[in-house]
């Protein structure tokens, strides 16, 4: 259904895409947030990223809930594991340093999780967790996304 209701969304009340119905359209056209690169050490890749971006990296921050330390150079997040048993440490051990995930912004993370779960997608956690900068985040499990780890970010 292509018509838009008074709220600007496709569909009417109780119809797919309308208020009270399945609201898939709200998740279309999400804004790109960042791409993350997993590394054993920031020193391995930071000089090149700073040179390419013409900008300095942010100060590294620990994200205890994810077991990582992060810094940003523009829209590129560098992540390094804090402990050998973290998910990022396992990723680097199995696959080596490199592209870890892509992230998109959502307005309501809990609603996005419900909608995507209803479509058959799985998440790596039962609910939102805290990410860098205190934002709420959730990761779509790569087994349900064609092998790509996708992060959804709800910013304040």
C-alpha atoms as a PDB file:
ATOM      1  CA  UNK A   1       0.000   0.000   0.000  1.00  0.00           C
ATOM      2  CA  UNK A   2       1.547   3.311  -1.085  1.00  0.00           C
ATOM      3  CA  UNK A   3      -0.815   5.902   0.348  1.00  0.00           C
ATOM      4  CA  UNK A   4       0.332   7.845   3.378  1.00  0.00           C
ATOM      5  CA  UNK A   5      -1.736   8.513   6.469  1.00  0.00           C
ATOM      6  CA  UNK A   6      -1.889  11.738   8.517  1.00  0.00           C
ATOM      7  CA  UNK A   7       1.277  10.699  10.387  1.00  0.00           C
ATOM      8  CA  UNK A   8       3.241  10.598   7.107  1.00  0.00           C
ATOM      9  CA  UNK A   9       3.580   6.813   7.196  1.00  0.00           C
ATOM     10  CA  UNK A  10       2.207   4.405   4.643  1.00  0.00           C
ATOM     11  CA  UNK A  11      -1.018   2.626   5.447  1.00  0.00           C
ATOM     12  CA  UNK A  12      -3.928   3.414   7.731  1.00  0.00           C
ATOM     13  CA  UNK A  13      -4.815   2.439  11.288  1.00  0.00           C
ATOM     14  CA  UNK A  14      -4.390  -1.301  11.760  1.00  0.00           C
ATOM     15  CA  UNK A  15      -2.981  -1.766   8.258  1.00  0.00           C
ATOM     16  CA  UNK A  16       0.558  -2.903   7.578  1.00  0.00           C
ATOM     17  CA  UNK A  17       2.711   0.188   7.829  1.00  0.00           C
ATOM     18  CA  UNK A  18       0.080   2.170   9.743  1.00  0.00           C
ATOM     19  CA  UNK A  19      -0.494   3.078  13.378  1.00  0.00           C
ATOM     20  CA  UNK A  20      -1.298  -0.019  15.377  1.00  0.00           C
ATOM     21  CA  UNK A  21      -0.154  -2.254  12.537  1.00  0.00           C
ATOM     22  CA  UNK A  22       3.156  -3.546  11.285  1.00  0.00           C
ATOM     23  CA  UNK A  23       5.397  -0.495  10.783  1.00  0.00           C
ATOM     24  CA  UNK A  24       8.203  -1.749   8.585  1.00  0.00           C
ATOM     25  CA  UNK A  25       8.420   1.565   6.701  1.00  0.00           C
ATOM     26  CA  UNK A  26       9.769   3.297   9.797  1.00  0.00           C
ATOM     27  CA  UNK A  27      12.946   1.256   9.455  1.00  0.00           C
ATOM     28  CA  UNK A  28      13.521   2.095   5.811  1.00  0.00           C
ATOM     29  CA  UNK A  29      15.965   4.808   4.868  1.00  0.00           C
ATOM     30  CA  UNK A  30      17.793   4.812   8.192  1.00  0.00           C
ATOM     31  CA  UNK A  31      20.682   7.204   8.566  1.00  0.00           C
ATOM     32  CA  UNK A  32      24.155   5.673   8.479  1.00  0.00           C
ATOM     33  CA  UNK A  33      25.898   6.159  11.829  1.00  0.00           C
ATOM     34  CA  UNK A  34      29.382   4.613  11.602  1.00  0.00           C
ATOM     35  CA  UNK A  35      31.537   1.715  10.514  1.00  0.00           C
ATOM     36  CA  UNK A  36      33.724  -0.115  13.025  1.00  0.00           C
ATOM     37  CA  UNK A  37      37.142  -1.655  12.570  1.00  0.00           C
ATOM     38  CA  UNK A  38      38.386  -4.208  15.086  1.00  0.00           C
ATOM     39  CA  UNK A  39      42.098  -4.055  15.869  1.00  0.00           C
ATOM     40  CA  UNK A  40      44.529  -5.579  18.323  1.00  0.00           C
ATOM     41  CA  UNK A  41      46.007  -2.117  18.851  1.00  0.00           C
ATOM     42  CA  UNK A  42      44.934   1.369  17.824  1.00  0.00           C
ATOM     43  CA  UNK A  43      48.517   2.037  16.752  1.00  0.00           C
ATOM     44  CA  UNK A  44      48.100  -0.452  13.884  1.00  0.00           C
ATOM     45  CA  UNK A  45      45.602   1.646  11.924  1.00  0.00           C
ATOM     46  CA  UNK A  46      45.101   5.019  13.662  1.00  0.00           C
ATOM     47  CA  UNK A  47      47.906   6.949  11.913  1.00  0.00           C
ATOM     48  CA  UNK A  48      46.548   6.082   8.474  1.00  0.00           C
ATOM     49  CA  UNK A  49      42.927   6.893   9.379  1.00  0.00           C
ATOM     50  CA  UNK A  50      43.926  10.240  10.869  1.00  0.00           C
ATOM     51  CA  UNK A  51      45.963  11.086   7.781  1.00  0.00           C
ATOM     52  CA  UNK A  52      43.156  10.103   5.392  1.00  0.00           C
ATOM     53  CA  UNK A  53      40.482  11.959   7.381  1.00  0.00           C
ATOM     54  CA  UNK A  54      42.671  14.993   8.117  1.00  0.00           C
ATOM     55  CA  UNK A  55      41.458  14.790  11.704  1.00  0.00           C
ATOM     56  CA  UNK A  56      42.647  13.510  15.046  1.00  0.00           C
ATOM     57  CA  UNK A  57      41.046  10.584  16.791  1.00  0.00           C
ATOM     58  CA  UNK A  58      38.903  11.087  19.867  1.00  0.00           C
ATOM     59  CA  UNK A  59      40.347  10.064  23.194  1.00  0.00           C
ATOM     60  CA  UNK A  60      39.930   6.309  23.719  1.00  0.00           C
ATOM     61  CA  UNK A  61      36.978   5.358  25.948  1.00  0.00           C
ATOM     62  CA  UNK A  62      36.319   2.102  27.722  1.00  0.00           C
ATOM     63  CA  UNK A  63      32.935   0.522  27.103  1.00  0.00           C
ATOM     64  CA  UNK A  64      32.853  -2.064  29.858  1.00  0.00           C
ATOM     65  CA  UNK A  65      29.459  -3.463  28.793  1.00  0.00           C
ATOM     66  CA  UNK A  66      30.987  -4.470  25.435  1.00  0.00           C
ATOM     67  CA  UNK A  67      34.458  -5.374  26.751  1.00  0.00           C
ATOM     68  CA  UNK A  68      36.162  -2.903  24.412  1.00  0.00           C
ATOM     69  CA  UNK A  69      37.979   0.375  24.192  1.00  0.00           C
ATOM     70  CA  UNK A  70      36.893   2.679  21.356  1.00  0.00           C
ATOM     71  CA  UNK A  71      37.930   5.850  19.619  1.00  0.00           C
ATOM     72  CA  UNK A  72      36.527   7.589  16.560  1.00  0.00           C
ATOM     73  CA  UNK A  73      38.080   9.231  13.526  1.00  0.00           C
ATOM     74  CA  UNK A  74      35.072  10.843  11.882  1.00  0.00           C
ATOM     75  CA  UNK A  75      32.529   8.108  11.149  1.00  0.00           C
ATOM     76  CA  UNK A  76      35.063   5.318  11.666  1.00  0.00           C
ATOM     77  CA  UNK A  77      35.066   3.639  15.062  1.00  0.00           C
ATOM     78  CA  UNK A  78      38.164   1.740  16.100  1.00  0.00           C
ATOM     79  CA  UNK A  79      37.536  -0.980  18.643  1.00  0.00           C
ATOM     80  CA  UNK A  80      40.027  -3.086  20.519  1.00  0.00           C
ATOM     81  CA  UNK A  81      39.274  -5.807  23.030  1.00  0.00           C
ATOM     82  CA  UNK A  82      39.898  -5.231  26.724  1.00  0.00           C
ATOM     83  CA  UNK A  83      39.827  -8.908  27.651  1.00  0.00           C
ATOM     84  CA  UNK A  84      40.588 -12.165  25.860  1.00  0.00           C
ATOM     85  CA  UNK A  85      37.056 -13.464  26.364  1.00  0.00           C
ATOM     86  CA  UNK A  86      35.198 -10.508  24.803  1.00  0.00           C
ATOM     87  CA  UNK A  87      33.278 -10.831  21.550  1.00  0.00           C
ATOM     88  CA  UNK A  88      35.706  -8.505  19.786  1.00  0.00           C
ATOM     89  CA  UNK A  89      38.689 -10.524  21.036  1.00  0.00           C
ATOM     90  CA  UNK A  90      37.105 -13.699  19.622  1.00  0.00           C
ATOM     91  CA  UNK A  91      36.414 -11.875  16.349  1.00  0.00           C
ATOM     92  CA  UNK A  92      40.035 -10.706  15.997  1.00  0.00           C
ATOM     93  CA  UNK A  93      41.354 -14.137  16.951  1.00  0.00           C
ATOM     94  CA  UNK A  94      39.183 -15.932  14.369  1.00  0.00           C
ATOM     95  CA  UNK A  95      39.185 -13.438  11.512  1.00  0.00           C
ATOM     96  CA  UNK A  96      42.019 -11.056  12.233  1.00  0.00           C
ATOM     97  CA  UNK A  97      41.756  -7.281  12.418  1.00  0.00           C
ATOM     98  CA  UNK A  98      39.362  -5.617   9.999  1.00  0.00           C
ATOM     99  CA  UNK A  99      35.826  -4.508   9.364  1.00  0.00           C
ATOM    100  CA  UNK A 100      33.701  -5.462  12.371  1.00  0.00           C
ATOM    101  CA  UNK A 101      30.269  -3.891  11.882  1.00  0.00           C
ATOM    102  CA  UNK A 102      28.186  -1.180  10.276  1.00  0.00           C
ATOM    103  CA  UNK A 103      25.777   0.941  12.285  1.00  0.00           C
ATOM    104  CA  UNK A 104      22.526   2.747  11.560  1.00  0.00           C
ATOM    105  CA  UNK A 105      20.582   5.213  13.709  1.00  0.00           C
ATOM    106  CA  UNK A 106      17.069   4.456  14.889  1.00  0.00           C
ATOM    107  CA  UNK A 107      14.684   6.701  16.798  1.00  0.00           C
ATOM    108  CA  UNK A 108      13.237   3.998  19.048  1.00  0.00           C
ATOM    109  CA  UNK A 109      15.553   1.032  19.529  1.00  0.00           C
ATOM    110  CA  UNK A 110      13.107  -1.122  21.488  1.00  0.00           C
ATOM    111  CA  UNK A 111      10.469  -0.710  18.762  1.00  0.00           C
ATOM    112  CA  UNK A 112      13.010  -1.459  16.032  1.00  0.00           C
ATOM    113  CA  UNK A 113      14.050  -4.623  17.859  1.00  0.00           C
ATOM    114  CA  UNK A 114      10.433  -5.770  18.161  1.00  0.00           C
ATOM    115  CA  UNK A 115       9.751  -5.107  14.484  1.00  0.00           C
ATOM    116  CA  UNK A 116      12.882  -6.838  13.220  1.00  0.00           C
ATOM    117  CA  UNK A 117      12.358  -9.793  15.564  1.00  0.00           C
ATOM    118  CA  UNK A 118       8.834 -10.152  14.146  1.00  0.00           C
ATOM    119  CA  UNK A 119      10.416 -10.319  10.672  1.00  0.00           C
ATOM    120  CA  UNK A 120      12.629 -13.210  11.798  1.00  0.00           C
ATOM    121  CA  UNK A 121      15.865 -11.369  12.552  1.00  0.00           C
ATOM    122  CA  UNK A 122      17.765 -12.235  15.715  1.00  0.00           C
ATOM    123  CA  UNK A 123      19.797 -10.022  18.001  1.00  0.00           C
ATOM    124  CA  UNK A 124      22.931 -10.822  19.961  1.00  0.00           C
ATOM    125  CA  UNK A 125      21.234  -9.639  23.178  1.00  0.00           C
ATOM    126  CA  UNK A 126      17.703  -9.796  24.544  1.00  0.00           C
ATOM    127  CA  UNK A 127      17.433  -6.021  24.748  1.00  0.00           C
ATOM    128  CA  UNK A 128      19.303  -2.762  24.240  1.00  0.00           C
ATOM    129  CA  UNK A 129      22.675  -2.306  25.928  1.00  0.00           C
ATOM    130  CA  UNK A 130      24.852   0.717  26.546  1.00  0.00           C
ATOM    131  CA  UNK A 131      27.392   1.591  23.891  1.00  0.00           C
ATOM    132  CA  UNK A 132      30.052   4.253  23.439  1.00  0.00           C
ATOM    133  CA  UNK A 133      28.915   7.684  24.556  1.00  0.00           C
ATOM    134  CA  UNK A 134      26.119   6.160  26.640  1.00  0.00           C
ATOM    135  CA  UNK A 135      23.932   5.537  23.591  1.00  0.00           C
ATOM    136  CA  UNK A 136      21.557   2.583  23.525  1.00  0.00           C
ATOM    137  CA  UNK A 137      22.643  -0.074  21.036  1.00  0.00           C
ATOM    138  CA  UNK A 138      21.743  -3.533  19.798  1.00  0.00           C
ATOM    139  CA  UNK A 139      23.436  -5.825  17.286  1.00  0.00           C
ATOM    140  CA  UNK A 140      21.602  -7.901  14.699  1.00  0.00           C
ATOM    141  CA  UNK A 141      23.051 -11.384  14.703  1.00  0.00           C
ATOM    142  CA  UNK A 142      25.134 -11.996  11.559  1.00  0.00           C
ATOM    143  CA  UNK A 143      23.538 -15.413  11.067  1.00  0.00           C
ATOM    144  CA  UNK A 144      20.327 -13.598  10.119  1.00  0.00           C
ATOM    145  CA  UNK A 145      21.882 -10.739   8.104  1.00  0.00           C
ATOM    146  CA  UNK A 146      23.932 -12.566   5.499  1.00  0.00           C
ATOM    147  CA  UNK A 147      27.051 -12.616   7.662  1.00  0.00           C
ATOM    148  CA  UNK A 148      27.210  -8.867   8.373  1.00  0.00           C
ATOM    149  CA  UNK A 149      27.136  -7.626  11.968  1.00  0.00           C
ATOM    150  CA  UNK A 150      24.746  -4.661  11.996  1.00  0.00           C
ATOM    151  CA  UNK A 151      24.445  -2.310  14.957  1.00  0.00           C
ATOM    152  CA  UNK A 152      21.391  -0.182  15.618  1.00  0.00           C
ATOM    153  CA  UNK A 153      22.102   2.997  17.591  1.00  0.00           C
ATOM    154  CA  UNK A 154      19.604   5.141  19.481  1.00  0.00           C
ATOM    155  CA  UNK A 155      21.228   8.482  20.247  1.00  0.00           C
ATOM    156  CA  UNK A 156      19.879  10.957  22.767  1.00  0.00           C
END
